[in-house]
Amino acid sequence: QYKVGSDPLTVLSQPKISLGVIRGTSYVEFARKDYPDAALEEYDEWDQMIQDLEKGKLLALLYDEVEITAFHRKNPDAALSLQTFVRRDR
């Protein structure tokens, strides 16, 4: 069970975590390599992936820091329910 404030890397390493990525991006391979037990969901569109995250169909997503920052600027209230974690090793 995910708890707010939990280490995201530990949470994403749990089996069957629903993890969203954009099809055809490097994040697909990052997710497969770094989170092999995750249930990977590939999306064609960022907006659909965000909607599924907000609805709880995904536990997390992997994507570009610039896009995620832009999303939070446009949707500041999202910070109340979505936690952002930036991996600096990729």
N, C-alpha and C. Protein backbone atom coordinates (compact mmCIF):
# COMPACT_ATOMS: atom_id res chain seq x y z
N GLN A 1 0.86 -1.19 0.00
CA GLN A 1 0.00 0.00 0.00
C GLN A 1 0.89 1.23 0.00
N TYR A 2 0.58 2.17 -0.87
CA TYR A 2 1.33 3.42 -0.98
C TYR A 2 0.89 4.40 0.09
N LYS A 3 1.85 5.01 0.74
CA LYS A 3 1.57 6.05 1.73
C LYS A 3 2.25 7.33 1.31
N VAL A 4 1.56 8.46 1.48
CA VAL A 4 2.15 9.76 1.16
C VAL A 4 3.44 9.90 1.94
N GLY A 5 4.48 10.34 1.26
CA GLY A 5 5.78 10.51 1.89
C GLY A 5 6.66 9.29 1.76
N SER A 6 6.13 8.18 1.23
CA SER A 6 6.93 6.98 1.03
C SER A 6 7.99 7.25 -0.03
N ASP A 7 9.07 6.52 0.03
CA ASP A 7 10.13 6.63 -0.96
C ASP A 7 9.58 6.12 -2.30
N PRO A 8 9.48 6.99 -3.30
CA PRO A 8 8.90 6.57 -4.59
C PRO A 8 9.64 5.41 -5.24
N LEU A 9 10.95 5.35 -5.08
CA LEU A 9 11.69 4.25 -5.69
C LEU A 9 11.33 2.91 -5.06
N THR A 10 11.06 2.91 -3.78
CA THR A 10 10.63 1.69 -3.09
C THR A 10 9.22 1.32 -3.54
N VAL A 11 8.35 2.30 -3.61
CA VAL A 11 6.96 2.04 -4.02
C VAL A 11 6.92 1.47 -5.43
N LEU A 12 7.67 2.04 -6.34
CA LEU A 12 7.65 1.59 -7.73
C LEU A 12 8.31 0.24 -7.93
N SER A 13 9.04 -0.22 -6.95
CA SER A 13 9.68 -1.53 -7.04
C SER A 13 8.76 -2.66 -6.60
N GLN A 14 7.59 -2.33 -6.10
CA GLN A 14 6.64 -3.35 -5.67
C GLN A 14 5.99 -3.99 -6.90
N PRO A 15 5.66 -5.29 -6.79
CA PRO A 15 5.04 -5.98 -7.93
C PRO A 15 3.67 -5.39 -8.30
N LYS A 16 3.42 -5.37 -9.60
CA LYS A 16 2.11 -5.01 -10.16
C LYS A 16 1.68 -3.56 -9.95
N ILE A 17 2.61 -2.68 -9.64
CA ILE A 17 2.29 -1.26 -9.55
C ILE A 17 1.96 -0.79 -10.96
N SER A 18 0.86 -0.07 -11.14
CA SER A 18 0.49 0.44 -12.47
C SER A 18 1.30 1.70 -12.75
N LEU A 19 2.11 1.61 -13.80
CA LEU A 19 3.06 2.67 -14.14
C LEU A 19 2.84 3.12 -15.58
N GLY A 20 2.57 4.40 -15.79
CA GLY A 20 2.31 4.93 -17.12
C GLY A 20 3.55 5.53 -17.77
N VAL A 21 3.67 5.31 -19.06
CA VAL A 21 4.74 5.89 -19.88
C VAL A 21 4.15 6.24 -21.25
N ILE A 22 4.82 7.14 -21.95
CA ILE A 22 4.41 7.48 -23.32
C ILE A 22 5.10 6.52 -24.28
N ARG A 23 4.30 5.86 -25.07
CA ARG A 23 4.79 4.89 -26.06
C ARG A 23 5.86 5.53 -26.96
N GLY A 24 6.91 4.77 -27.22
CA GLY A 24 7.95 5.22 -28.14
C GLY A 24 9.00 6.14 -27.54
N THR A 25 8.91 6.42 -26.22
CA THR A 25 9.90 7.27 -25.57
C THR A 25 10.92 6.42 -24.83
N SER A 26 12.00 7.03 -24.43
CA SER A 26 13.03 6.33 -23.66
C SER A 26 12.50 5.87 -22.30
N TYR A 27 11.42 6.47 -21.84
CA TYR A 27 10.86 6.10 -20.54
C TYR A 27 10.30 4.68 -20.53
N VAL A 28 9.93 4.17 -21.67
CA VAL A 28 9.45 2.79 -21.76
C VAL A 28 10.57 1.84 -21.34
N GLU A 29 11.75 2.03 -21.90
CA GLU A 29 12.89 1.17 -21.56
C GLU A 29 13.37 1.42 -20.14
N PHE A 30 13.37 2.68 -19.69
CA PHE A 30 13.75 2.98 -18.30
C PHE A 30 12.83 2.21 -17.36
N ALA A 31 11.53 2.24 -17.61
CA ALA A 31 10.56 1.57 -16.74
C ALA A 31 10.78 0.06 -16.76
N ARG A 32 10.99 -0.50 -17.93
CA ARG A 32 11.20 -1.95 -18.01
C ARG A 32 12.45 -2.39 -17.26
N LYS A 33 13.48 -1.58 -17.37
CA LYS A 33 14.75 -1.92 -16.71
C LYS A 33 14.69 -1.66 -15.20
N ASP A 34 14.19 -0.49 -14.82
CA ASP A 34 14.24 -0.08 -13.42
C ASP A 34 13.10 -0.64 -12.57
N TYR A 35 11.96 -0.94 -13.19
CA TYR A 35 10.78 -1.43 -12.46
C TYR A 35 10.20 -2.65 -13.18
N PRO A 36 10.97 -3.72 -13.25
CA PRO A 36 10.53 -4.88 -14.04
C PRO A 36 9.25 -5.55 -13.56
N ASP A 37 8.89 -5.35 -12.30
CA ASP A 37 7.67 -5.98 -11.78
C ASP A 37 6.44 -5.10 -11.94
N ALA A 38 6.62 -3.89 -12.43
CA ALA A 38 5.48 -2.97 -12.60
C ALA A 38 4.59 -3.42 -13.75
N ALA A 39 3.31 -3.10 -13.63
CA ALA A 39 2.37 -3.32 -14.73
C ALA A 39 2.44 -2.07 -15.60
N LEU A 40 3.19 -2.15 -16.66
CA LEU A 40 3.46 -1.00 -17.53
C LEU A 40 2.29 -0.71 -18.45
N GLU A 41 1.83 0.53 -18.44
CA GLU A 41 0.75 0.98 -19.32
C GLU A 41 1.32 2.02 -20.28
N GLU A 42 1.26 1.75 -21.57
CA GLU A 42 1.81 2.68 -22.57
C GLU A 42 0.68 3.53 -23.15
N TYR A 43 0.95 4.82 -23.25
CA TYR A 43 -0.02 5.79 -23.75
C TYR A 43 0.52 6.49 -24.98
N ASP A 44 -0.41 6.93 -25.83
CA ASP A 44 -0.04 7.74 -26.99
C ASP A 44 -0.09 9.22 -26.65
N GLU A 45 -0.85 9.58 -25.62
CA GLU A 45 -1.06 11.00 -25.30
C GLU A 45 -0.82 11.28 -23.82
N TRP A 46 -0.12 12.35 -23.56
CA TRP A 46 0.16 12.83 -22.21
C TRP A 46 -1.13 13.11 -21.45
N ASP A 47 -2.07 13.79 -22.09
CA ASP A 47 -3.31 14.17 -21.41
C ASP A 47 -4.09 12.95 -20.90
N GLN A 48 -4.14 11.89 -21.69
CA GLN A 48 -4.84 10.68 -21.27
C GLN A 48 -4.12 10.02 -20.10
N MET A 49 -2.79 10.02 -20.14
CA MET A 49 -2.02 9.42 -19.06
C MET A 49 -2.26 10.18 -17.74
N ILE A 50 -2.28 11.51 -17.82
CA ILE A 50 -2.54 12.34 -16.62
C ILE A 50 -3.96 12.08 -16.09
N GLN A 51 -4.92 12.00 -17.00
CA GLN A 51 -6.30 11.72 -16.57
C GLN A 51 -6.40 10.39 -15.83
N ASP A 52 -5.73 9.37 -16.36
CA ASP A 52 -5.76 8.06 -15.71
C ASP A 52 -5.04 8.09 -14.36
N LEU A 53 -3.99 8.86 -14.26
CA LEU A 53 -3.29 9.03 -12.97
C LEU A 53 -4.22 9.69 -11.95
N GLU A 54 -4.90 10.75 -12.38
CA GLU A 54 -5.81 11.46 -11.48
C GLU A 54 -7.00 10.60 -11.06
N LYS A 55 -7.44 9.70 -11.94
CA LYS A 55 -8.57 8.81 -11.64
C LYS A 55 -8.15 7.60 -10.80
N GLY A 56 -6.84 7.42 -10.63
CA GLY A 56 -6.36 6.28 -9.86
C GLY A 56 -6.15 5.02 -10.66
N LYS A 57 -6.25 5.11 -11.98
CA LYS A 57 -5.98 3.94 -12.83
C LYS A 57 -4.49 3.64 -12.89
N LEU A 58 -3.66 4.66 -12.64
CA LEU A 58 -2.21 4.51 -12.54
C LEU A 58 -1.79 4.94 -11.14
N LEU A 59 -0.76 4.30 -10.62
CA LEU A 59 -0.21 4.76 -9.36
C LEU A 59 0.84 5.84 -9.63
N ALA A 60 1.54 5.71 -10.76
CA ALA A 60 2.62 6.64 -11.08
C ALA A 60 2.81 6.71 -12.58
N LEU A 61 3.60 7.69 -13.00
CA LEU A 61 4.00 7.79 -14.39
C LEU A 61 5.44 8.26 -14.46
N LEU A 62 6.07 7.95 -15.56
CA LEU A 62 7.43 8.42 -15.83
C LEU A 62 7.38 9.32 -17.05
N TYR A 63 7.92 10.51 -16.90
CA TYR A 63 7.95 11.41 -18.04
C TYR A 63 8.94 12.53 -17.79
N ASP A 64 9.07 13.40 -18.75
CA ASP A 64 10.03 14.49 -18.74
C ASP A 64 9.73 15.52 -17.65
N GLU A 65 10.77 15.92 -16.94
CA GLU A 65 10.62 16.90 -15.85
C GLU A 65 10.02 18.22 -16.34
N VAL A 66 10.37 18.64 -17.55
CA VAL A 66 9.85 19.90 -18.10
C VAL A 66 8.33 19.81 -18.27
N GLU A 67 7.85 18.70 -18.80
CA GLU A 67 6.40 18.52 -18.99
C GLU A 67 5.67 18.46 -17.65
N ILE A 68 6.24 17.77 -16.70
CA ILE A 68 5.60 17.64 -15.40
C ILE A 68 5.56 18.99 -14.69
N THR A 69 6.64 19.75 -14.80
CA THR A 69 6.68 21.10 -14.21
C THR A 69 5.63 21.99 -14.86
N ALA A 70 5.52 21.92 -16.19
CA ALA A 70 4.51 22.71 -16.91
C ALA A 70 3.11 22.32 -16.48
N PHE A 71 2.87 21.02 -16.30
CA PHE A 71 1.56 20.55 -15.83
C PHE A 71 1.23 21.16 -14.47
N HIS A 72 2.19 21.13 -13.55
CA HIS A 72 1.95 21.67 -12.20
C HIS A 72 1.73 23.19 -12.22
N ARG A 73 2.38 23.88 -13.13
CA ARG A 73 2.15 25.33 -13.24
C ARG A 73 0.74 25.63 -13.71
N LYS A 74 0.24 24.82 -14.63
CA LYS A 74 -1.12 25.01 -15.15
C LYS A 74 -2.18 24.48 -14.18
N ASN A 75 -1.78 23.55 -13.34
CA ASN A 75 -2.71 22.88 -12.43
C ASN A 75 -2.15 22.85 -11.01
N PRO A 76 -2.02 24.01 -10.37
CA PRO A 76 -1.37 24.04 -9.05
C PRO A 76 -2.10 23.21 -7.99
N ASP A 77 -3.40 23.04 -8.12
CA ASP A 77 -4.14 22.24 -7.14
C ASP A 77 -3.78 20.75 -7.21
N ALA A 78 -3.19 20.33 -8.31
CA ALA A 78 -2.81 18.92 -8.45
C ALA A 78 -1.79 18.51 -7.39
N ALA A 79 -1.05 19.46 -6.87
CA ALA A 79 -0.06 19.17 -5.83
C ALA A 79 -0.71 18.63 -4.56
N LEU A 80 -2.02 18.84 -4.42
CA LEU A 80 -2.73 18.33 -3.25
C LEU A 80 -2.90 16.81 -3.31
N SER A 81 -2.90 16.25 -4.52
CA SER A 81 -3.12 14.81 -4.65
C SER A 81 -2.02 14.06 -5.39
N LEU A 82 -1.13 14.78 -6.06
CA LEU A 82 -0.06 14.14 -6.83
C LEU A 82 1.30 14.56 -6.29
N GLN A 83 2.14 13.59 -6.06
CA GLN A 83 3.49 13.86 -5.57
C GLN A 83 4.46 13.74 -6.74
N THR A 84 5.37 14.70 -6.87
CA THR A 84 6.38 14.66 -7.92
C THR A 84 7.71 14.25 -7.32
N PHE A 85 8.39 13.36 -8.01
CA PHE A 85 9.72 12.92 -7.61
C PHE A 85 10.59 12.96 -8.85
N VAL A 86 11.71 13.67 -8.78
CA VAL A 86 12.63 13.79 -9.91
C VAL A 86 13.83 12.89 -9.67
N ARG A 87 14.03 11.96 -10.58
CA ARG A 87 15.23 11.12 -10.51
C ARG A 87 16.36 11.85 -11.18
N ARG A 88 17.44 12.01 -10.48
CA ARG A 88 18.60 12.72 -11.04
C ARG A 88 19.61 11.78 -11.67
N ASP A 89 19.35 10.47 -11.59
CA ASP A 89 20.32 9.51 -12.11
C ASP A 89 20.03 9.12 -13.56
N ARG A 90 19.04 9.72 -14.18
CA ARG A 90 18.70 9.42 -15.57
C ARG A 90 18.74 10.67 -16.38
